[in-house]
Amino acid sequence: MRIIGTVIRGKGEGRVLGFPTANLKINLPFILADGVYLAKIKVKDQKYRALAVKGMAQDLEVWLKDFSGDLYGQELAVEIGQKISELGTFTNQQELIAKIKADLKIAEKLWATN
């Protein structure tokens, strides 16, 4: 599945947690179950492995492996891959960080085999 959206400013929570993400505003409706997915994203001429998070809103949040820079206002095409986990509820930041690290560990193993 390919989803295209424009990077908008979010709350900056990912950056505070040490995992900066790009929040995409999606203009066309899409059907994707809530969860965390492997993804691929092309920025200019560079391809990045990524994680995409689909929550309850009709937006998408993406984390790009080995990316640094400013994506605000850019249109990104996200190739959605395999779902690797469900969303969770967390009572504190440490629980959320542990979940993100666990998802990244799963992603790294899957990327290593592809």
N, C-alpha and C. Protein backbone atom coordinates (compact mmCIF):
# COMPACT_ATOMS: atom_id res chain seq x y z
N MET A 1 0.85 -1.17 0.00
CA MET A 1 0.00 0.00 0.00
C MET A 1 0.90 1.23 0.00
N ARG A 2 0.54 2.20 -0.80
CA ARG A 2 1.28 3.46 -0.89
C ARG A 2 0.38 4.59 -0.41
N ILE A 3 0.88 5.36 0.55
CA ILE A 3 0.13 6.47 1.11
C ILE A 3 0.96 7.74 0.94
N ILE A 4 0.32 8.78 0.45
CA ILE A 4 1.01 10.05 0.23
C ILE A 4 0.43 11.10 1.16
N GLY A 5 1.31 11.85 1.81
CA GLY A 5 0.86 12.90 2.71
C GLY A 5 1.89 14.00 2.85
N THR A 6 1.45 15.10 3.42
CA THR A 6 2.32 16.25 3.64
C THR A 6 2.73 16.29 5.10
N VAL A 7 4.02 16.53 5.34
CA VAL A 7 4.54 16.58 6.70
C VAL A 7 4.07 17.88 7.38
N ILE A 8 3.40 17.70 8.51
CA ILE A 8 2.90 18.82 9.29
C ILE A 8 3.54 18.81 10.68
N ARG A 9 3.44 19.93 11.36
CA ARG A 9 3.97 19.99 12.73
C ARG A 9 3.05 19.22 13.66
N GLY A 10 3.68 18.38 14.48
CA GLY A 10 2.94 17.67 15.52
C GLY A 10 3.24 18.30 16.87
N LYS A 11 3.09 17.53 17.91
CA LYS A 11 3.33 18.02 19.26
C LYS A 11 4.80 17.94 19.65
N GLY A 12 5.61 17.26 18.85
CA GLY A 12 7.04 17.14 19.15
C GLY A 12 7.35 16.07 20.17
N GLU A 13 6.36 15.20 20.45
CA GLU A 13 6.56 14.17 21.48
C GLU A 13 7.63 13.16 21.09
N GLY A 14 7.69 12.77 19.82
CA GLY A 14 8.69 11.81 19.37
C GLY A 14 10.10 12.34 19.58
N ARG A 15 10.30 13.59 19.27
CA ARG A 15 11.62 14.22 19.45
C ARG A 15 12.01 14.21 20.93
N VAL A 16 11.07 14.54 21.81
CA VAL A 16 11.33 14.55 23.25
C VAL A 16 11.73 13.15 23.73
N LEU A 17 11.12 12.12 23.16
CA LEU A 17 11.41 10.74 23.57
C LEU A 17 12.69 10.20 22.95
N GLY A 18 13.27 10.94 22.00
CA GLY A 18 14.48 10.47 21.34
C GLY A 18 14.23 9.75 20.03
N PHE A 19 12.99 9.80 19.55
CA PHE A 19 12.60 9.15 18.30
C PHE A 19 11.80 10.15 17.46
N PRO A 20 12.47 11.11 16.83
CA PRO A 20 11.73 12.12 16.07
C PRO A 20 10.96 11.50 14.91
N THR A 21 9.73 11.93 14.76
CA THR A 21 8.87 11.41 13.70
C THR A 21 8.35 12.55 12.84
N ALA A 22 7.89 12.17 11.66
CA ALA A 22 7.21 13.10 10.77
C ALA A 22 5.72 12.76 10.81
N ASN A 23 4.91 13.74 11.05
CA ASN A 23 3.46 13.56 11.07
C ASN A 23 2.92 13.93 9.70
N LEU A 24 2.24 12.98 9.08
CA LEU A 24 1.72 13.21 7.74
C LEU A 24 0.23 13.47 7.77
N LYS A 25 -0.16 14.54 7.11
CA LYS A 25 -1.57 14.83 6.90
C LYS A 25 -1.95 14.17 5.59
N ILE A 26 -2.87 13.22 5.66
CA ILE A 26 -3.29 12.46 4.50
C ILE A 26 -4.59 13.06 3.97
N ASN A 27 -4.61 13.45 2.71
CA ASN A 27 -5.78 14.12 2.15
C ASN A 27 -6.84 13.17 1.62
N LEU A 28 -6.43 11.97 1.21
CA LEU A 28 -7.38 11.00 0.68
C LEU A 28 -7.64 9.92 1.71
N PRO A 29 -8.86 9.44 1.81
CA PRO A 29 -9.15 8.37 2.76
C PRO A 29 -8.36 7.10 2.42
N PHE A 30 -7.94 6.41 3.46
CA PHE A 30 -7.26 5.13 3.26
C PHE A 30 -7.67 4.19 4.38
N ILE A 31 -7.62 2.90 4.08
CA ILE A 31 -7.98 1.89 5.08
C ILE A 31 -6.72 1.15 5.48
N LEU A 32 -6.37 1.28 6.74
CA LEU A 32 -5.21 0.62 7.31
C LEU A 32 -5.50 0.43 8.79
N ALA A 33 -5.38 -0.81 9.26
CA ALA A 33 -5.64 -1.09 10.67
C ALA A 33 -4.64 -0.35 11.55
N ASP A 34 -5.07 0.07 12.73
CA ASP A 34 -4.17 0.70 13.66
C ASP A 34 -3.02 -0.23 13.99
N GLY A 35 -1.82 0.31 14.12
CA GLY A 35 -0.66 -0.49 14.48
C GLY A 35 0.63 0.12 13.97
N VAL A 36 1.71 -0.64 14.14
CA VAL A 36 3.04 -0.23 13.72
C VAL A 36 3.45 -1.10 12.54
N TYR A 37 3.94 -0.46 11.48
CA TYR A 37 4.26 -1.14 10.23
C TYR A 37 5.68 -0.84 9.78
N LEU A 38 6.30 -1.81 9.12
CA LEU A 38 7.53 -1.52 8.38
C LEU A 38 7.13 -0.63 7.21
N ALA A 39 8.04 0.24 6.80
CA ALA A 39 7.74 1.12 5.68
C ALA A 39 9.03 1.51 4.97
N LYS A 40 8.85 2.04 3.77
CA LYS A 40 9.96 2.61 3.00
C LYS A 40 9.51 3.98 2.54
N ILE A 41 10.43 4.94 2.62
CA ILE A 41 10.11 6.31 2.24
C ILE A 41 11.26 6.88 1.42
N LYS A 42 10.91 7.57 0.35
CA LYS A 42 11.92 8.23 -0.47
C LYS A 42 11.88 9.72 -0.18
N VAL A 43 13.04 10.27 0.20
CA VAL A 43 13.18 11.70 0.43
C VAL A 43 14.23 12.18 -0.57
N LYS A 44 13.80 13.04 -1.48
CA LYS A 44 14.63 13.47 -2.59
C LYS A 44 15.09 12.22 -3.33
N ASP A 45 16.36 11.95 -3.41
CA ASP A 45 16.83 10.76 -4.14
C ASP A 45 17.29 9.65 -3.20
N GLN A 46 17.05 9.78 -1.92
CA GLN A 46 17.51 8.81 -0.93
C GLN A 46 16.32 8.00 -0.40
N LYS A 47 16.48 6.67 -0.35
CA LYS A 47 15.45 5.81 0.23
C LYS A 47 15.80 5.49 1.67
N TYR A 48 14.78 5.47 2.52
CA TYR A 48 14.96 5.19 3.94
C TYR A 48 14.04 4.06 4.37
N ARG A 49 14.57 3.22 5.22
CA ARG A 49 13.71 2.27 5.92
C ARG A 49 13.02 3.08 7.01
N ALA A 50 11.81 2.66 7.34
CA ALA A 50 11.04 3.47 8.28
C ALA A 50 10.05 2.61 9.04
N LEU A 51 9.50 3.19 10.08
CA LEU A 51 8.35 2.62 10.76
C LEU A 51 7.21 3.61 10.59
N ALA A 52 6.03 3.09 10.33
CA ALA A 52 4.84 3.92 10.19
C ALA A 52 3.85 3.52 11.27
N VAL A 53 3.28 4.52 11.92
CA VAL A 53 2.31 4.27 12.98
C VAL A 53 0.98 4.85 12.56
N LYS A 54 -0.02 3.99 12.49
CA LYS A 54 -1.39 4.41 12.18
C LYS A 54 -2.18 4.31 13.47
N GLY A 55 -2.65 5.47 13.92
CA GLY A 55 -3.46 5.51 15.14
C GLY A 55 -4.92 5.73 14.80
N MET A 56 -5.64 6.25 15.74
CA MET A 56 -7.08 6.42 15.55
C MET A 56 -7.41 7.54 14.56
N ALA A 57 -6.54 8.51 14.42
CA ALA A 57 -6.79 9.61 13.48
C ALA A 57 -6.51 9.13 12.06
N GLN A 58 -6.94 9.89 11.09
CA GLN A 58 -6.72 9.55 9.68
C GLN A 58 -5.39 10.13 9.22
N ASP A 59 -4.42 10.17 10.10
CA ASP A 59 -3.08 10.63 9.79
C ASP A 59 -2.11 9.49 10.03
N LEU A 60 -0.87 9.70 9.64
CA LEU A 60 0.16 8.68 9.76
C LEU A 60 1.39 9.35 10.36
N GLU A 61 2.07 8.64 11.24
CA GLU A 61 3.30 9.13 11.84
C GLU A 61 4.41 8.20 11.40
N VAL A 62 5.54 8.76 10.92
CA VAL A 62 6.62 7.92 10.42
C VAL A 62 7.95 8.31 11.06
N TRP A 63 8.75 7.29 11.33
CA TRP A 63 10.11 7.45 11.82
C TRP A 63 11.03 6.89 10.75
N LEU A 64 12.01 7.67 10.32
CA LEU A 64 12.93 7.27 9.26
C LEU A 64 14.28 6.89 9.86
N LYS A 65 14.72 5.69 9.57
CA LYS A 65 16.01 5.19 10.06
C LYS A 65 17.14 5.99 9.41
N ASP A 66 18.07 6.45 10.23
CA ASP A 66 19.27 7.15 9.77
C ASP A 66 18.98 8.46 9.03
N PHE A 67 17.87 9.10 9.34
CA PHE A 67 17.55 10.38 8.71
C PHE A 67 17.76 11.51 9.70
N SER A 68 18.30 12.60 9.21
CA SER A 68 18.32 13.83 9.99
C SER A 68 18.04 14.96 9.01
N GLY A 69 17.26 15.90 9.44
CA GLY A 69 16.91 17.01 8.58
C GLY A 69 15.50 17.48 8.85
N ASP A 70 15.05 18.40 8.03
CA ASP A 70 13.75 19.02 8.18
C ASP A 70 12.84 18.57 7.04
N LEU A 71 11.72 17.98 7.37
CA LEU A 71 10.77 17.50 6.36
C LEU A 71 9.49 18.32 6.31
N TYR A 72 9.35 19.33 7.18
CA TYR A 72 8.10 20.08 7.25
C TYR A 72 7.70 20.63 5.88
N GLY A 73 6.44 20.38 5.53
CA GLY A 73 5.89 20.89 4.28
C GLY A 73 6.15 19.99 3.07
N GLN A 74 7.01 19.00 3.22
CA GLN A 74 7.30 18.12 2.09
C GLN A 74 6.22 17.05 1.94
N GLU A 75 6.00 16.66 0.71
CA GLU A 75 5.09 15.55 0.43
C GLU A 75 5.92 14.27 0.40
N LEU A 76 5.48 13.28 1.18
CA LEU A 76 6.19 12.00 1.24
C LEU A 76 5.28 10.88 0.76
N ALA A 77 5.86 9.94 0.03
CA ALA A 77 5.16 8.72 -0.36
C ALA A 77 5.68 7.61 0.55
N VAL A 78 4.78 6.98 1.26
CA VAL A 78 5.13 5.94 2.22
C VAL A 78 4.64 4.59 1.68
N GLU A 79 5.58 3.68 1.48
CA GLU A 79 5.25 2.31 1.08
C GLU A 79 5.07 1.50 2.36
N ILE A 80 3.85 1.12 2.65
CA ILE A 80 3.53 0.38 3.87
C ILE A 80 3.83 -1.10 3.65
N GLY A 81 4.54 -1.67 4.61
CA GLY A 81 4.87 -3.10 4.55
C GLY A 81 4.17 -3.88 5.64
N GLN A 82 4.89 -4.82 6.18
CA GLN A 82 4.37 -5.76 7.17
C GLN A 82 4.03 -5.07 8.50
N LYS A 83 2.91 -5.45 9.08
CA LYS A 83 2.55 -4.97 10.41
C LYS A 83 3.41 -5.72 11.43
N ILE A 84 4.05 -4.98 12.34
CA ILE A 84 4.91 -5.65 13.31
C ILE A 84 4.39 -5.62 14.74
N SER A 85 3.45 -4.71 15.03
CA SER A 85 2.89 -4.72 16.38
C SER A 85 1.60 -3.90 16.44
N GLU A 86 0.90 -4.12 17.52
CA GLU A 86 -0.32 -3.37 17.81
C GLU A 86 0.06 -2.11 18.59
N LEU A 87 -0.85 -1.17 18.63
CA LEU A 87 -0.67 0.01 19.48
C LEU A 87 -0.91 -0.41 20.92
N GLY A 88 -0.42 0.37 21.84
CA GLY A 88 -0.62 0.05 23.25
C GLY A 88 -1.03 1.28 24.02
N THR A 89 -1.30 1.08 25.29
CA THR A 89 -1.55 2.20 26.19
C THR A 89 -0.44 2.19 27.24
N PHE A 90 0.00 3.36 27.63
CA PHE A 90 1.16 3.47 28.49
C PHE A 90 0.87 4.43 29.63
N THR A 91 1.36 4.06 30.81
CA THR A 91 1.13 4.91 31.98
C THR A 91 2.24 5.93 32.18
N ASN A 92 3.37 5.74 31.46
CA ASN A 92 4.46 6.71 31.59
C ASN A 92 5.36 6.65 30.35
N GLN A 93 6.26 7.61 30.25
CA GLN A 93 7.15 7.69 29.08
C GLN A 93 8.08 6.50 28.98
N GLN A 94 8.52 5.96 30.11
CA GLN A 94 9.44 4.84 30.08
C GLN A 94 8.79 3.61 29.42
N GLU A 95 7.52 3.38 29.68
CA GLU A 95 6.82 2.27 29.03
C GLU A 95 6.73 2.48 27.52
N LEU A 96 6.44 3.70 27.11
CA LEU A 96 6.36 4.02 25.68
C LEU A 96 7.72 3.86 25.01
N ILE A 97 8.77 4.34 25.64
CA ILE A 97 10.12 4.20 25.08
C ILE A 97 10.49 2.73 24.96
N ALA A 98 10.14 1.93 25.95
CA ALA A 98 10.42 0.48 25.89
C ALA A 98 9.68 -0.16 24.72
N LYS A 99 8.44 0.25 24.47
CA LYS A 99 7.66 -0.29 23.35
C LYS A 99 8.30 0.11 22.02
N ILE A 100 8.72 1.35 21.90
CA ILE A 100 9.36 1.82 20.66
C ILE A 100 10.64 1.03 20.42
N LYS A 101 11.44 0.85 21.46
CA LYS A 101 12.69 0.08 21.33
C LYS A 101 12.41 -1.37 20.92
N ALA A 102 11.37 -1.96 21.48
CA ALA A 102 11.00 -3.33 21.12
C ALA A 102 10.57 -3.41 19.65
N ASP A 103 9.80 -2.43 19.19
CA ASP A 103 9.39 -2.38 17.79
C ASP A 103 10.60 -2.22 16.87
N LEU A 104 11.55 -1.36 17.28
CA LEU A 104 12.76 -1.17 16.47
C LEU A 104 13.60 -2.44 16.41
N LYS A 105 13.63 -3.18 17.49
CA LYS A 105 14.39 -4.45 17.51
C LYS A 105 13.76 -5.44 16.52
N ILE A 106 12.45 -5.52 16.51
CA ILE A 106 11.75 -6.39 15.55
C ILE A 106 12.05 -5.92 14.13
N ALA A 107 11.95 -4.62 13.90
CA ALA A 107 12.19 -4.07 12.56
C ALA A 107 13.62 -4.37 12.10
N GLU A 108 14.60 -4.19 12.97
CA GLU A 108 16.00 -4.45 12.60
C GLU A 108 16.20 -5.91 12.18
N LYS A 109 15.57 -6.82 12.89
CA LYS A 109 15.68 -8.25 12.52
C LYS A 109 15.06 -8.50 11.15
N LEU A 110 13.90 -7.91 10.90
CA LEU A 110 13.23 -8.10 9.61
C LEU A 110 14.00 -7.43 8.48
N TRP A 111 14.54 -6.24 8.73
CA TRP A 111 15.33 -5.55 7.70
C TRP A 111 16.58 -6.34 7.36
N ALA A 112 17.17 -7.00 8.35
CA ALA A 112 18.39 -7.77 8.14
C ALA A 112 18.15 -8.97 7.22
N THR A 113 16.91 -9.46 7.17
CA THR A 113 16.60 -10.63 6.34
C THR A 113 16.11 -10.22 4.94
N ASN A 114 15.90 -8.93 4.73
CA ASN A 114 15.40 -8.45 3.42
C ASN A 114 16.45 -7.65 2.70
